[in-house]
All heavy atoms as atom14 arrays in JSON, in Angstrom:
{
  "sequence": "YSGEEDGDLEFAKSLSELGDIYINDAFGTAHRNHAS",
  "atom14_mask": [
    [1, 1, 1, 1, 1, 1, 1, 1, 1, 1, 1, 1, 0, 0],
    [1, 1, 1, 1, 1, 1, 0, 0, 0, 0, 0, 0, 0, 0],
    [1, 1, 1, 1, 0, 0, 0, 0, 0, 0, 0, 0, 0, 0],
    [1, 1, 1, 1, 1, 1, 1, 1, 1, 0, 0, 0, 0, 0],
    [1, 1, 1, 1, 1, 1, 1, 1, 1, 0, 0, 0, 0, 0],
    [1, 1, 1, 1, 1, 1, 1, 1, 0, 0, 0, 0, 0, 0],
    [1, 1, 1, 1, 0, 0, 0, 0, 0, 0, 0, 0, 0, 0],
    [1, 1, 1, 1, 1, 1, 1, 1, 0, 0, 0, 0, 0, 0],
    [1, 1, 1, 1, 1, 1, 1, 1, 0, 0, 0, 0, 0, 0],
    [1, 1, 1, 1, 1, 1, 1, 1, 1, 0, 0, 0, 0, 0],
    [1, 1, 1, 1, 1, 1, 1, 1, 1, 1, 1, 0, 0, 0],
    [1, 1, 1, 1, 1, 0, 0, 0, 0, 0, 0, 0, 0, 0],
    [1, 1, 1, 1, 1, 1, 1, 1, 1, 0, 0, 0, 0, 0],
    [1, 1, 1, 1, 1, 1, 0, 0, 0, 0, 0, 0, 0, 0],
    [1, 1, 1, 1, 1, 1, 1, 1, 0, 0, 0, 0, 0, 0],
    [1, 1, 1, 1, 1, 1, 0, 0, 0, 0, 0, 0, 0, 0],
    [1, 1, 1, 1, 1, 1, 1, 1, 1, 0, 0, 0, 0, 0],
    [1, 1, 1, 1, 1, 1, 1, 1, 0, 0, 0, 0, 0, 0],
    [1, 1, 1, 1, 0, 0, 0, 0, 0, 0, 0, 0, 0, 0],
    [1, 1, 1, 1, 1, 1, 1, 1, 0, 0, 0, 0, 0, 0],
    [1, 1, 1, 1, 1, 1, 1, 1, 0, 0, 0, 0, 0, 0],
    [1, 1, 1, 1, 1, 1, 1, 1, 1, 1, 1, 1, 0, 0],
    [1, 1, 1, 1, 1, 1, 1, 1, 0, 0, 0, 0, 0, 0],
    [1, 1, 1, 1, 1, 1, 1, 1, 0, 0, 0, 0, 0, 0],
    [1, 1, 1, 1, 1, 1, 1, 1, 0, 0, 0, 0, 0, 0],
    [1, 1, 1, 1, 1, 0, 0, 0, 0, 0, 0, 0, 0, 0],
    [1, 1, 1, 1, 1, 1, 1, 1, 1, 1, 1, 0, 0, 0],
    [1, 1, 1, 1, 0, 0, 0, 0, 0, 0, 0, 0, 0, 0],
    [1, 1, 1, 1, 1, 1, 1, 0, 0, 0, 0, 0, 0, 0],
    [1, 1, 1, 1, 1, 0, 0, 0, 0, 0, 0, 0, 0, 0],
    [1, 1, 1, 1, 1, 1, 1, 1, 1, 1, 0, 0, 0, 0],
    [1, 1, 1, 1, 1, 1, 1, 1, 1, 1, 1, 0, 0, 0],
    [1, 1, 1, 1, 1, 1, 1, 1, 0, 0, 0, 0, 0, 0],
    [1, 1, 1, 1, 1, 1, 1, 1, 1, 1, 0, 0, 0, 0],
    [1, 1, 1, 1, 1, 0, 0, 0, 0, 0, 0, 0, 0, 0],
    [1, 1, 1, 1, 1, 1, 0, 0, 0, 0, 0, 0, 0, 0]
  ],
  "atom14_positions": [
    [[-0.21, -28.51, 6.88], [1.2, -28.19, 6.69], [1.87, -28.11, 8.06], [1.39, -27.39, 8.95], [1.37, -26.86, 5.96], [0.99, -26.91, 4.49], [-0.31, -26.64, 4.09], [1.94, -27.21, 3.52], [-0.67, -26.69, 2.75], [1.6, -27.25, 2.18], [0.29, -27.0, 1.8], [-0.05, -27.05, 0.47], [0.0, 0.0, 0.0], [0.0, 0.0, 0.0]],
    [[2.98, -28.8, 8.24], [3.69, -28.78, 9.52], [4.22, -27.39, 9.85], [4.42, -27.05, 11.01], [4.86, -29.78, 9.5], [5.79, -29.44, 8.48], [0.0, 0.0, 0.0], [0.0, 0.0, 0.0], [0.0, 0.0, 0.0], [0.0, 0.0, 0.0], [0.0, 0.0, 0.0], [0.0, 0.0, 0.0], [0.0, 0.0, 0.0], [0.0, 0.0, 0.0]],
    [[4.4, -26.57, 8.81], [4.89, -25.21, 9.02], [3.99, -24.35, 9.88], [4.44, -23.39, 10.5], [0.0, 0.0, 0.0], [0.0, 0.0, 0.0], [0.0, 0.0, 0.0], [0.0, 0.0, 0.0], [0.0, 0.0, 0.0], [0.0, 0.0, 0.0], [0.0, 0.0, 0.0], [0.0, 0.0, 0.0], [0.0, 0.0, 0.0], [0.0, 0.0, 0.0]],
    [[2.7, -24.69, 9.94], [1.77, -23.92, 10.77], [2.14, -24.03, 12.24], [2.41, -23.04, 12.92], [0.33, -24.38, 10.52], [-0.7, -23.91, 11.55], [-0.9, -22.41, 11.63], [-0.26, -21.64, 10.88], [-1.7, -21.99, 12.48], [0.0, 0.0, 0.0], [0.0, 0.0, 0.0], [0.0, 0.0, 0.0], [0.0, 0.0, 0.0], [0.0, 0.0, 0.0]],
    [[2.18, -25.26, 12.75], [2.48, -25.43, 14.18], [3.95, -25.15, 14.49], [4.28, -24.79, 15.62], [2.1, -26.85, 14.62], [0.59, -27.08, 14.64], [0.22, -28.42, 15.22], [0.09, -28.51, 16.46], [0.06, -29.38, 14.44], [0.0, 0.0, 0.0], [0.0, 0.0, 0.0], [0.0, 0.0, 0.0], [0.0, 0.0, 0.0], [0.0, 0.0, 0.0]],
    [[4.82, -25.3, 13.5], [6.24, -25.03, 13.7], [6.55, -23.53, 13.72], [7.69, -23.13, 14.04], [7.09, -25.69, 12.6], [7.05, -27.21, 12.68], [6.67, -27.73, 13.74], [7.4, -27.86, 11.67], [0.0, 0.0, 0.0], [0.0, 0.0, 0.0], [0.0, 0.0, 0.0], [0.0, 0.0, 0.0], [0.0, 0.0, 0.0], [0.0, 0.0, 0.0]],
    [[5.57, -22.7, 13.36], [5.82, -21.26, 13.28], [6.8, -20.92, 12.17], [7.63, -20.02, 12.3], [0.0, 0.0, 0.0], [0.0, 0.0, 0.0], [0.0, 0.0, 0.0], [0.0, 0.0, 0.0], [0.0, 0.0, 0.0], [0.0, 0.0, 0.0], [0.0, 0.0, 0.0], [0.0, 0.0, 0.0], [0.0, 0.0, 0.0], [0.0, 0.0, 0.0]],
    [[6.71, -21.65, 11.06], [7.67, -21.52, 9.96], [7.51, -20.19, 9.22], [6.41, -19.82, 8.78], [7.47, -22.69, 8.99], [8.49, -22.67, 7.87], [9.65, -22.98, 8.13], [8.1, -22.32, 6.73], [0.0, 0.0, 0.0], [0.0, 0.0, 0.0], [0.0, 0.0, 0.0], [0.0, 0.0, 0.0], [0.0, 0.0, 0.0], [0.0, 0.0, 0.0]],
    [[8.63, -19.49, 9.05], [8.61, -18.17, 8.41], [8.2, -18.25, 6.95], [7.41, -17.41, 6.47], [10.0, -17.53, 8.53], [10.13, -16.1, 7.98], [9.3, -15.13, 8.82], [11.6, -15.67, 7.98], [0.0, 0.0, 0.0], [0.0, 0.0, 0.0], [0.0, 0.0, 0.0], [0.0, 0.0, 0.0], [0.0, 0.0, 0.0], [0.0, 0.0, 0.0]],
    [[8.69, -19.24, 6.22], [8.36, -19.36, 4.8], [6.88, -19.69, 4.59], [6.25, -19.19, 3.65], [9.24, -20.43, 4.14], [10.68, -20.0, 3.92], [10.78, -18.71, 3.11], [10.11, -18.61, 2.06], [11.52, -17.8, 3.52], [0.0, 0.0, 0.0], [0.0, 0.0, 0.0], [0.0, 0.0, 0.0], [0.0, 0.0, 0.0], [0.0, 0.0, 0.0]],
    [[6.34, -20.53, 5.48], [4.91, -20.84, 5.39], [4.09, -19.58, 5.64], [3.12, -19.29, 4.93], [4.55, -21.93, 6.4], [3.1, -22.34, 6.37], [2.57, -23.01, 5.28], [2.26, -22.05, 7.44], [1.22, -23.39, 5.24], [0.92, -22.42, 7.42], [0.4, -23.09, 6.32], [0.0, 0.0, 0.0], [0.0, 0.0, 0.0], [0.0, 0.0, 0.0]],
    [[4.49, -18.81, 6.65], [3.79, -17.55, 6.95], [3.89, -16.58, 5.78], [2.92, -15.9, 5.43], [4.37, -16.93, 8.22], [0.0, 0.0, 0.0], [0.0, 0.0, 0.0], [0.0, 0.0, 0.0], [0.0, 0.0, 0.0], [0.0, 0.0, 0.0], [0.0, 0.0, 0.0], [0.0, 0.0, 0.0], [0.0, 0.0, 0.0], [0.0, 0.0, 0.0]],
    [[5.06, -16.53, 5.16], [5.25, -15.62, 4.01], [4.32, -16.02, 2.87], [3.73, -15.15, 2.21], [6.71, -15.66, 3.56], [7.01, -14.68, 2.43], [8.48, -14.74, 2.02], [8.76, -13.77, 0.89], [10.18, -13.84, 0.44], [0.0, 0.0, 0.0], [0.0, 0.0, 0.0], [0.0, 0.0, 0.0], [0.0, 0.0, 0.0], [0.0, 0.0, 0.0]],
    [[4.18, -17.34, 2.62], [3.29, -17.8, 1.56], [1.85, -17.39, 1.84], [1.12, -16.99, 0.92], [3.38, -19.32, 1.44], [4.66, -19.72, 1.02], [0.0, 0.0, 0.0], [0.0, 0.0, 0.0], [0.0, 0.0, 0.0], [0.0, 0.0, 0.0], [0.0, 0.0, 0.0], [0.0, 0.0, 0.0], [0.0, 0.0, 0.0], [0.0, 0.0, 0.0]],
    [[1.44, -17.48, 3.1], [0.1, -17.04, 3.48], [-0.07, -15.54, 3.28], [-1.13, -15.07, 2.84], [-0.19, -17.4, 4.95], [-0.36, -18.88, 5.3], [-0.41, -19.06, 6.81], [-1.62, -19.45, 4.66], [0.0, 0.0, 0.0], [0.0, 0.0, 0.0], [0.0, 0.0, 0.0], [0.0, 0.0, 0.0], [0.0, 0.0, 0.0], [0.0, 0.0, 0.0]],
    [[0.99, -14.79, 3.57], [0.9, -13.32, 3.49], [0.64, -12.83, 2.07], [0.12, -11.73, 1.87], [2.18, -12.69, 4.03], [3.26, -12.84, 3.12], [0.0, 0.0, 0.0], [0.0, 0.0, 0.0], [0.0, 0.0, 0.0], [0.0, 0.0, 0.0], [0.0, 0.0, 0.0], [0.0, 0.0, 0.0], [0.0, 0.0, 0.0], [0.0, 0.0, 0.0]],
    [[1.02, -13.64, 1.08], [0.86, -13.24, -0.32], [-0.59, -13.32, -0.8], [-0.9, -12.93, -1.92], [1.75, -14.14, -1.2], [3.23, -13.94, -0.93], [4.11, -15.0, -1.58], [3.53, -15.98, -2.12], [5.35, -14.88, -1.53], [0.0, 0.0, 0.0], [0.0, 0.0, 0.0], [0.0, 0.0, 0.0], [0.0, 0.0, 0.0], [0.0, 0.0, 0.0]],
    [[-1.48, -13.79, 0.09], [-2.89, -13.97, -0.3], [-3.75, -12.74, -0.04], [-4.85, -12.64, -0.57], [-3.48, -15.17, 0.44], [-2.74, -16.5, 0.3], [-3.4, -17.57, 1.15], [-2.68, -16.94, -1.16], [0.0, 0.0, 0.0], [0.0, 0.0, 0.0], [0.0, 0.0, 0.0], [0.0, 0.0, 0.0], [0.0, 0.0, 0.0], [0.0, 0.0, 0.0]],
    [[-3.28, -11.82, 0.79], [-4.14, -10.7, 1.17], [-3.42, -9.38, 1.31], [-2.19, -9.32, 1.35], [0.0, 0.0, 0.0], [0.0, 0.0, 0.0], [0.0, 0.0, 0.0], [0.0, 0.0, 0.0], [0.0, 0.0, 0.0], [0.0, 0.0, 0.0], [0.0, 0.0, 0.0], [0.0, 0.0, 0.0], [0.0, 0.0, 0.0], [0.0, 0.0, 0.0]],
    [[-4.23, -8.31, 1.42], [-3.69, -6.96, 1.61], [-3.7, -6.57, 3.09], [-2.9, -5.74, 3.53], [-4.55, -5.93, 0.85], [-4.71, -6.28, -0.61], [-3.68, -6.5, -1.27], [-5.87, -6.37, -1.08], [0.0, 0.0, 0.0], [0.0, 0.0, 0.0], [0.0, 0.0, 0.0], [0.0, 0.0, 0.0], [0.0, 0.0, 0.0], [0.0, 0.0, 0.0]],
    [[-4.63, -7.17, 3.83], [-4.84, -6.82, 5.24], [-4.97, -8.11, 6.04], [-5.51, -9.11, 5.55], [-6.12, -5.96, 5.4], [-5.89, -4.55, 4.84], [-6.59, -5.89, 6.86], [-7.14, -3.69, 4.8], [0.0, 0.0, 0.0], [0.0, 0.0, 0.0], [0.0, 0.0, 0.0], [0.0, 0.0, 0.0], [0.0, 0.0, 0.0], [0.0, 0.0, 0.0]],
    [[-4.45, -8.09, 7.27], [-4.55, -9.26, 8.15], [-5.4, -8.9, 9.37], [-5.16, -7.89, 10.04], [-3.17, -9.71, 8.61], [-3.2, -10.8, 9.67], [-3.27, -12.15, 9.32], [-3.14, -10.48, 11.03], [-3.29, -13.15, 10.28], [-3.16, -11.48, 12.0], [-3.24, -12.81, 11.63], [-3.26, -13.8, 12.58], [0.0, 0.0, 0.0], [0.0, 0.0, 0.0]],
    [[-6.39, -9.75, 9.65], [-7.23, -9.59, 10.84], [-7.17, -10.88, 11.65], [-7.36, -11.97, 11.12], [-8.71, -9.31, 10.46], [-8.84, -8.05, 9.6], [-9.57, -9.21, 11.72], [-8.46, -6.77, 10.3], [0.0, 0.0, 0.0], [0.0, 0.0, 0.0], [0.0, 0.0, 0.0], [0.0, 0.0, 0.0], [0.0, 0.0, 0.0], [0.0, 0.0, 0.0]],
    [[-6.88, -10.75, 12.94], [-6.94, -11.92, 13.81], [-8.23, -11.86, 14.61], [-8.49, -10.91, 15.34], [-5.75, -11.95, 14.77], [-5.64, -13.29, 15.5], [-6.62, -14.04, 15.61], [-4.45, -13.61, 16.0], [0.0, 0.0, 0.0], [0.0, 0.0, 0.0], [0.0, 0.0, 0.0], [0.0, 0.0, 0.0], [0.0, 0.0, 0.0], [0.0, 0.0, 0.0]],
    [[-9.04, -12.89, 14.44], [-10.3, -12.99, 15.19], [-10.39, -14.36, 15.87], [-11.48, -14.86, 16.12], [-11.5, -12.78, 14.25], [-12.7, -12.2, 14.98], [-12.49, -11.37, 15.89], [-13.84, -12.56, 14.64], [0.0, 0.0, 0.0], [0.0, 0.0, 0.0], [0.0, 0.0, 0.0], [0.0, 0.0, 0.0], [0.0, 0.0, 0.0], [0.0, 0.0, 0.0]],
    [[-9.21, -14.95, 16.14], [-9.16, -16.31, 16.68], [-8.52, -16.32, 18.07], [-7.36, -16.69, 18.23], [-8.37, -17.21, 15.73], [0.0, 0.0, 0.0], [0.0, 0.0, 0.0], [0.0, 0.0, 0.0], [0.0, 0.0, 0.0], [0.0, 0.0, 0.0], [0.0, 0.0, 0.0], [0.0, 0.0, 0.0], [0.0, 0.0, 0.0], [0.0, 0.0, 0.0]],
    [[-9.28, -15.91, 19.07], [-8.73, -15.87, 20.43], [-8.32, -17.25, 20.9], [-7.35, -17.4, 21.65], [-9.75, -15.26, 21.39], [-9.24, -15.15, 22.8], [-8.26, -14.22, 23.12], [-9.73, -15.97, 23.81], [-7.77, -14.13, 24.41], [-9.25, -15.88, 25.11], [-8.26, -14.95, 25.41], [0.0, 0.0, 0.0], [0.0, 0.0, 0.0], [0.0, 0.0, 0.0]],
    [[-9.06, -18.27, 20.46], [-8.79, -19.63, 20.92], [-7.4, -20.14, 20.56], [-6.92, -21.11, 21.15], [0.0, 0.0, 0.0], [0.0, 0.0, 0.0], [0.0, 0.0, 0.0], [0.0, 0.0, 0.0], [0.0, 0.0, 0.0], [0.0, 0.0, 0.0], [0.0, 0.0, 0.0], [0.0, 0.0, 0.0], [0.0, 0.0, 0.0], [0.0, 0.0, 0.0]],
    [[-6.74, -19.5, 19.59], [-5.39, -19.92, 19.21], [-4.35, -18.82, 19.47], [-3.19, -18.95, 19.09], [-5.33, -20.29, 17.71], [-5.67, -19.14, 16.92], [-6.3, -21.41, 17.39], [0.0, 0.0, 0.0], [0.0, 0.0, 0.0], [0.0, 0.0, 0.0], [0.0, 0.0, 0.0], [0.0, 0.0, 0.0], [0.0, 0.0, 0.0], [0.0, 0.0, 0.0]],
    [[-4.76, -17.75, 20.13], [-3.87, -16.6, 20.32], [-2.7, -16.91, 21.25], [-1.7, -16.19, 21.26], [-4.67, -15.41, 20.87], [0.0, 0.0, 0.0], [0.0, 0.0, 0.0], [0.0, 0.0, 0.0], [0.0, 0.0, 0.0], [0.0, 0.0, 0.0], [0.0, 0.0, 0.0], [0.0, 0.0, 0.0], [0.0, 0.0, 0.0], [0.0, 0.0, 0.0]],
    [[-2.83, -17.99, 22.04], [-1.73, -18.34, 22.95], [-0.68, -19.22, 22.29], [0.31, -19.6, 22.93], [-2.28, -19.05, 24.2], [-3.04, -20.31, 23.93], [-4.03, -20.4, 22.98], [-2.93, -21.55, 24.46], [-4.52, -21.63, 22.97], [-3.86, -22.35, 23.85], [0.0, 0.0, 0.0], [0.0, 0.0, 0.0], [0.0, 0.0, 0.0], [0.0, 0.0, 0.0]],
    [[-0.87, -19.54, 21.01], [0.08, -20.39, 20.31], [0.9, -19.55, 19.31], [0.33, -18.8, 18.52], [-0.65, -21.51, 19.57], [-1.54, -22.33, 20.49], [-2.06, -23.58, 19.79], [-3.06, -24.29, 20.59], [-2.77, -25.08, 21.62], [-1.52, -25.24, 21.99], [-3.73, -25.69, 22.29], [0.0, 0.0, 0.0], [0.0, 0.0, 0.0], [0.0, 0.0, 0.0]],
    [[2.21, -19.73, 19.35], [3.08, -18.97, 18.44], [3.22, -19.72, 17.11], [4.3, -20.1, 16.7], [4.45, -18.76, 19.09], [5.24, -17.68, 18.37], [4.68, -16.78, 17.75], [6.55, -17.77, 18.43], [0.0, 0.0, 0.0], [0.0, 0.0, 0.0], [0.0, 0.0, 0.0], [0.0, 0.0, 0.0], [0.0, 0.0, 0.0], [0.0, 0.0, 0.0]],
    [[2.06, -19.92, 16.47], [2.03, -20.63, 15.2], [2.21, -19.64, 14.04], [2.12, -18.42, 14.23], [0.73, -21.41, 15.06], [0.65, -22.59, 15.99], [-0.49, -23.36, 16.14], [1.58, -23.15, 16.82], [-0.26, -24.32, 17.02], [0.98, -24.21, 17.45], [0.0, 0.0, 0.0], [0.0, 0.0, 0.0], [0.0, 0.0, 0.0], [0.0, 0.0, 0.0]],
    [[2.42, -20.17, 12.87], [2.7, -19.31, 11.71], [1.59, -18.3, 11.46], [1.85, -17.12, 11.22], [2.94, -20.17, 10.47], [0.0, 0.0, 0.0], [0.0, 0.0, 0.0], [0.0, 0.0, 0.0], [0.0, 0.0, 0.0], [0.0, 0.0, 0.0], [0.0, 0.0, 0.0], [0.0, 0.0, 0.0], [0.0, 0.0, 0.0], [0.0, 0.0, 0.0]],
    [[0.34, -18.76, 11.52], [-0.79, -17.89, 11.15], [-1.18, -16.91, 12.24], [-1.96, -15.98, 12.0], [-2.01, -18.74, 10.78], [-2.49, -19.44, 11.91], [0.0, 0.0, 0.0], [0.0, 0.0, 0.0], [0.0, 0.0, 0.0], [0.0, 0.0, 0.0], [0.0, 0.0, 0.0], [0.0, 0.0, 0.0], [0.0, 0.0, 0.0], [0.0, 0.0, 0.0]]
  ]
}
């Protein structure tokens, strides 16, 4: 989905509906302001 690299708010919102808690364990992508 192009929304990932675009930092799209609606794409991020759709992802947020999948879980109760968010954990970031991806340092390799932490420098990118992507949706996830």
